[in-house]
Structure formats: structure tokens, C-alpha cells
Amino acid sequence: MKNLFARFAQDTSGATAIEYGLIAAGIAAVVITAVYSLGSKVNDTFVKINGELK
């Protein structure tokens, strides 16, 4: 039983998975922010082009 707890304490695979998850969440937040900020600029450009074509 003592050996089982020692192996469990030294297992770091769960911590690595959590770290990768946090990195992925951070990258997703940056991408969402960039798309949101660029989306409004692109929309304004298309509205301007549409107005000039009329």
C-alpha cells in the first residue's frame, strides 16, 4: 500500500495535462480577442465600401 501512494505522489502526468489545458485556454483567449477586435474593423470597411458602391 505504501508503494502505491509513493507512485501516486510521483506521477506528474495529470499536472502536465492541466498545464497544456491552461496554455490552450490562454491562446484561445488571445485569438478570440483578436478576432473580435478585427471583426468590427472589417465590418466597418465593408459598410464603407457598400456605401460608396450605392
PDB file of N, CA and C in Angstrom:
ATOM      1  N   MET A   1       0.830  -1.189   0.000  1.00  0.00           N
ATOM      2  CA  MET A   1       0.000   0.000   0.000  1.00  0.00           C
ATOM      3  C   MET A   1       0.874   1.253   0.000  1.00  0.00           C
ATOM      4  N   LYS A   2       1.960   1.192   0.735  1.00  0.00           N
ATOM      5  CA  LYS A   2       2.871   2.335   0.798  1.00  0.00           C
ATOM      6  C   LYS A   2       3.482   2.606  -0.585  1.00  0.00           C
ATOM      7  N   ASN A   3       3.763   1.541  -1.314  1.00  0.00           N
ATOM      8  CA  ASN A   3       4.324   1.675  -2.658  1.00  0.00           C
ATOM      9  C   ASN A   3       3.319   2.359  -3.592  1.00  0.00           C
ATOM     10  N   LEU A   4       2.052   2.058  -3.436  1.00  0.00           N
ATOM     11  CA  LEU A   4       1.010   2.656  -4.264  1.00  0.00           C
ATOM     12  C   LEU A   4       0.943   4.167  -4.047  1.00  0.00           C
ATOM     13  N   PHE A   5       0.995   4.620  -2.807  1.00  0.00           N
ATOM     14  CA  PHE A   5       0.960   6.050  -2.517  1.00  0.00           C
ATOM     15  C   PHE A   5       2.222   6.744  -3.013  1.00  0.00           C
ATOM     16  N   ALA A   6       3.363   6.086  -2.942  1.00  0.00           N
ATOM     17  CA  ALA A   6       4.613   6.673  -3.432  1.00  0.00           C
ATOM     18  C   ALA A   6       4.559   6.884  -4.938  1.00  0.00           C
ATOM     19  N   ARG A   7       4.044   5.897  -5.671  1.00  0.00           N
ATOM     20  CA  ARG A   7       3.909   6.051  -7.129  1.00  0.00           C
ATOM     21  C   ARG A   7       2.912   7.143  -7.477  1.00  0.00           C
ATOM     22  N   PHE A   8       1.826   7.219  -6.731  1.00  0.00           N
ATOM     23  CA  PHE A   8       0.813   8.251  -6.984  1.00  0.00           C
ATOM     24  C   PHE A   8       1.391   9.644  -6.737  1.00  0.00           C
ATOM     25  N   ALA A   9       2.181   9.805  -5.704  1.00  0.00           N
ATOM     26  CA  ALA A   9       2.768  11.108  -5.379  1.00  0.00           C
ATOM     27  C   ALA A   9       3.776  11.554  -6.434  1.00  0.00           C
ATOM     28  N   GLN A  10       4.436  10.607  -7.087  1.00  0.00           N
ATOM     29  CA  GLN A  10       5.450  10.959  -8.079  1.00  0.00           C
ATOM     30  C   GLN A  10       4.888  11.079  -9.489  1.00  0.00           C
ATOM     31  N   ASP A  11       3.641  10.728  -9.695  1.00  0.00           N
ATOM     32  CA  ASP A  11       3.031  10.800 -11.022  1.00  0.00           C
ATOM     33  C   ASP A  11       2.707  12.252 -11.353  1.00  0.00           C
ATOM     34  N   THR A  12       3.285  12.778 -12.435  1.00  0.00           N
ATOM     35  CA  THR A  12       3.062  14.181 -12.823  1.00  0.00           C
ATOM     36  C   THR A  12       2.307  14.306 -14.133  1.00  0.00           C
ATOM     37  N   SER A  13       1.761  13.228 -14.658  1.00  0.00           N
ATOM     38  CA  SER A  13       1.081  13.310 -15.948  1.00  0.00           C
ATOM     39  C   SER A  13      -0.179  14.168 -15.878  1.00  0.00           C
ATOM     40  N   GLY A  14      -0.878  14.150 -14.764  1.00  0.00           N
ATOM     41  CA  GLY A  14      -2.066  14.995 -14.618  1.00  0.00           C
ATOM     42  C   GLY A  14      -1.719  16.466 -14.598  1.00  0.00           C
ATOM     43  N   ALA A  15      -0.615  16.812 -13.928  1.00  0.00           N
ATOM     44  CA  ALA A  15      -0.175  18.210 -13.878  1.00  0.00           C
ATOM     45  C   ALA A  15       0.207  18.698 -15.266  1.00  0.00           C
ATOM     46  N   THR A  16       0.835  17.849 -16.047  1.00  0.00           N
ATOM     47  CA  THR A  16       1.214  18.228 -17.403  1.00  0.00           C
ATOM     48  C   THR A  16      -0.028  18.471 -18.254  1.00  0.00           C
ATOM     49  N   ALA A  17      -1.030  17.649 -18.118  1.00  0.00           N
ATOM     50  CA  ALA A  17      -2.262  17.830 -18.887  1.00  0.00           C
ATOM     51  C   ALA A  17      -2.945  19.142 -18.502  1.00  0.00           C
ATOM     52  N   ILE A  18      -2.929  19.463 -17.223  1.00  0.00           N
ATOM     53  CA  ILE A  18      -3.531  20.724 -16.781  1.00  0.00           C
ATOM     54  C   ILE A  18      -2.755  21.907 -17.338  1.00  0.00           C
ATOM     55  N   GLU A  19      -1.434  21.821 -17.360  1.00  0.00           N
ATOM     56  CA  GLU A  19      -0.624  22.907 -17.916  1.00  0.00           C
ATOM     57  C   GLU A  19      -0.928  23.115 -19.385  1.00  0.00           C
ATOM     58  N   TYR A  20      -1.024  22.016 -20.145  1.00  0.00           N
ATOM     59  CA  TYR A  20      -1.367  22.148 -21.562  1.00  0.00           C
ATOM     60  C   TYR A  20      -2.758  22.742 -21.738  1.00  0.00           C
ATOM     61  N   GLY A  21      -3.675  22.386 -20.881  1.00  0.00           N
ATOM     62  CA  GLY A  21      -5.018  22.962 -20.943  1.00  0.00           C
ATOM     63  C   GLY A  21      -5.020  24.449 -20.682  1.00  0.00           C
ATOM     64  N   LEU A  22      -4.225  24.885 -19.709  1.00  0.00           N
ATOM     65  CA  LEU A  22      -4.133  26.315 -19.418  1.00  0.00           C
ATOM     66  C   LEU A  22      -3.488  27.080 -20.569  1.00  0.00           C
ATOM     67  N   ILE A  23      -2.473  26.495 -21.183  1.00  0.00           N
ATOM     68  CA  ILE A  23      -1.842  27.145 -22.339  1.00  0.00           C
ATOM     69  C   ILE A  23      -2.839  27.263 -23.483  1.00  0.00           C
ATOM     70  N   ALA A  24      -3.597  26.204 -23.750  1.00  0.00           N
ATOM     71  CA  ALA A  24      -4.596  26.237 -24.821  1.00  0.00           C
ATOM     72  C   ALA A  24      -5.675  27.272 -24.537  1.00  0.00           C
ATOM     73  N   ALA A  25      -6.091  27.392 -23.281  1.00  0.00           N
ATOM     74  CA  ALA A  25      -7.106  28.385 -22.915  1.00  0.00           C
ATOM     75  C   ALA A  25      -6.569  29.799 -23.109  1.00  0.00           C
ATOM     76  N   GLY A  26      -5.317  30.010 -22.770  1.00  0.00           N
ATOM     77  CA  GLY A  26      -4.705  31.331 -22.969  1.00  0.00           C
ATOM     78  C   GLY A  26      -4.615  31.702 -24.433  1.00  0.00           C
ATOM     79  N   ILE A  27      -4.205  30.746 -25.261  1.00  0.00           N
ATOM     80  CA  ILE A  27      -4.119  31.004 -26.702  1.00  0.00           C
ATOM     81  C   ILE A  27      -5.507  31.269 -27.273  1.00  0.00           C
ATOM     82  N   ALA A  28      -6.501  30.517 -26.824  1.00  0.00           N
ATOM     83  CA  ALA A  28      -7.873  30.729 -27.308  1.00  0.00           C
ATOM     84  C   ALA A  28      -8.377  32.116 -26.934  1.00  0.00           C
ATOM     85  N   ALA A  29      -8.042  32.576 -25.734  1.00  0.00           N
ATOM     86  CA  ALA A  29      -8.478  33.907 -25.307  1.00  0.00           C
ATOM     87  C   ALA A  29      -7.848  34.991 -26.181  1.00  0.00           C
ATOM     88  N   VAL A  30      -6.580  34.824 -26.523  1.00  0.00           N
ATOM     89  CA  VAL A  30      -5.904  35.801 -27.387  1.00  0.00           C
ATOM     90  C   VAL A  30      -6.522  35.799 -28.781  1.00  0.00           C
ATOM     91  N   VAL A  31      -6.799  34.620 -29.314  1.00  0.00           N
ATOM     92  CA  VAL A  31      -7.396  34.527 -30.656  1.00  0.00           C
ATOM     93  C   VAL A  31      -8.787  35.135 -30.664  1.00  0.00           C
ATOM     94  N   ILE A  32      -9.588  34.856 -29.661  1.00  0.00           N
ATOM     95  CA  ILE A  32     -10.943  35.413 -29.599  1.00  0.00           C
ATOM     96  C   ILE A  32     -10.893  36.934 -29.512  1.00  0.00           C
ATOM     97  N   THR A  33      -9.984  37.460 -28.703  1.00  0.00           N
ATOM     98  CA  THR A  33      -9.850  38.913 -28.578  1.00  0.00           C
ATOM     99  C   THR A  33      -9.428  39.532 -29.900  1.00  0.00           C
ATOM    100  N   ALA A  34      -8.477  38.918 -30.588  1.00  0.00           N
ATOM    101  CA  ALA A  34      -8.009  39.452 -31.870  1.00  0.00           C
ATOM    102  C   ALA A  34      -9.118  39.420 -32.915  1.00  0.00           C
ATOM    103  N   VAL A  35      -9.842  38.322 -32.992  1.00  0.00           N
ATOM    104  CA  VAL A  35     -10.924  38.206 -33.975  1.00  0.00           C
ATOM    105  C   VAL A  35     -12.032  39.205 -33.668  1.00  0.00           C
ATOM    106  N   TYR A  36     -12.343  39.388 -32.400  1.00  0.00           N
ATOM    107  CA  TYR A  36     -13.397  40.331 -32.031  1.00  0.00           C
ATOM    108  C   TYR A  36     -12.988  41.756 -32.395  1.00  0.00           C
ATOM    109  N   SER A  37     -11.744  42.109 -32.117  1.00  0.00           N
ATOM    110  CA  SER A  37     -11.313  43.478 -32.397  1.00  0.00           C
ATOM    111  C   SER A  37     -11.168  43.712 -33.893  1.00  0.00           C
ATOM    112  N   LEU A  38     -10.664  42.729 -34.632  1.00  0.00           N
ATOM    113  CA  LEU A  38     -10.538  42.895 -36.081  1.00  0.00           C
ATOM    114  C   LEU A  38     -11.881  42.767 -36.779  1.00  0.00           C
ATOM    115  N   GLY A  39     -12.794  42.017 -36.208  1.00  0.00           N
ATOM    116  CA  GLY A  39     -14.104  41.826 -36.831  1.00  0.00           C
ATOM    117  C   GLY A  39     -14.861  43.129 -36.993  1.00  0.00           C
ATOM    118  N   SER A  40     -14.814  43.974 -35.988  1.00  0.00           N
ATOM    119  CA  SER A  40     -15.529  45.251 -36.087  1.00  0.00           C
ATOM    120  C   SER A  40     -14.877  46.164 -37.119  1.00  0.00           C
ATOM    121  N   LYS A  41     -13.554  46.113 -37.242  1.00  0.00           N
ATOM    122  CA  LYS A  41     -12.859  46.937 -38.241  1.00  0.00           C
ATOM    123  C   LYS A  41     -13.178  46.470 -39.656  1.00  0.00           C
ATOM    124  N   VAL A  42     -13.217  45.158 -39.843  1.00  0.00           N
ATOM    125  CA  VAL A  42     -13.551  44.603 -41.158  1.00  0.00           C
ATOM    126  C   VAL A  42     -14.993  44.939 -41.516  1.00  0.00           C
ATOM    127  N   ASN A  43     -15.885  44.852 -40.561  1.00  0.00           N
ATOM    128  CA  ASN A  43     -17.291  45.190 -40.799  1.00  0.00           C
ATOM    129  C   ASN A  43     -17.419  46.654 -41.194  1.00  0.00           C
ATOM    130  N   ASP A  44     -16.714  47.540 -40.504  1.00  0.00           N
ATOM    131  CA  ASP A  44     -16.763  48.966 -40.853  1.00  0.00           C
ATOM    132  C   ASP A  44     -16.251  49.210 -42.267  1.00  0.00           C
ATOM    133  N   THR A  45     -15.214  48.488 -42.659  1.00  0.00           N
ATOM    134  CA  THR A  45     -14.669  48.638 -44.011  1.00  0.00           C
ATOM    135  C   THR A  45     -15.686  48.203 -45.055  1.00  0.00           C
ATOM    136  N   PHE A  46     -16.358  47.080 -44.828  1.00  0.00           N
ATOM    137  CA  PHE A  46     -17.369  46.622 -45.787  1.00  0.00           C
ATOM    138  C   PHE A  46     -18.563  47.566 -45.842  1.00  0.00           C
ATOM    139  N   VAL A  47     -18.945  48.119 -44.724  1.00  0.00           N
ATOM    140  CA  VAL A  47     -20.054  49.090 -44.725  1.00  0.00           C
ATOM    141  C   VAL A  47     -19.665  50.321 -45.527  1.00  0.00           C
ATOM    142  N   LYS A  48     -18.415  50.767 -45.360  1.00  0.00           N
ATOM    143  CA  LYS A  48     -17.939  51.936 -46.118  1.00  0.00           C
ATOM    144  C   LYS A  48     -17.913  51.638 -47.612  1.00  0.00           C
ATOM    145  N   ILE A  49     -17.425  50.465 -47.989  1.00  0.00           N
ATOM    146  CA  ILE A  49     -17.377  50.087 -49.410  1.00  0.00           C
ATOM    147  C   ILE A  49     -18.792  49.985 -49.963  1.00  0.00           C
ATOM    148  N   ASN A  50     -19.705  49.400 -49.205  1.00  0.00           N
ATOM    149  CA  ASN A  50     -21.091  49.272 -49.636  1.00  0.00           C
ATOM    150  C   ASN A  50     -21.720  50.646 -49.841  1.00  0.00           C
ATOM    151  N   GLY A  51     -21.415  51.580 -48.974  1.00  0.00           N
ATOM    152  CA  GLY A  51     -21.962  52.926 -49.105  1.00  0.00           C
ATOM    153  C   GLY A  51     -21.421  53.636 -50.340  1.00  0.00           C
ATOM    154  N   GLU A  52     -20.155  53.402 -50.660  1.00  0.00           N
ATOM    155  CA  GLU A  52     -19.573  54.050 -51.837  1.00  0.00           C
ATOM    156  C   GLU A  52     -20.064  53.428 -53.144  1.00  0.00           C
ATOM    157  N   LEU A  53     -20.446  52.143 -53.095  1.00  0.00           N
ATOM    158  CA  LEU A  53     -20.933  51.497 -54.299  1.00  0.00           C
ATOM    159  C   LEU A  53     -22.368  51.921 -54.641  1.00  0.00           C
ATOM    160  N   LYS A  54     -23.108  52.403 -53.665  1.00  0.00           N
ATOM    161  CA  LYS A  54     -24.509  52.764 -53.930  1.00  0.00           C
ATOM    162  C   LYS A  54     -24.616  54.067 -54.630  1.00  0.00           C
TER     163      LYS A  54
END
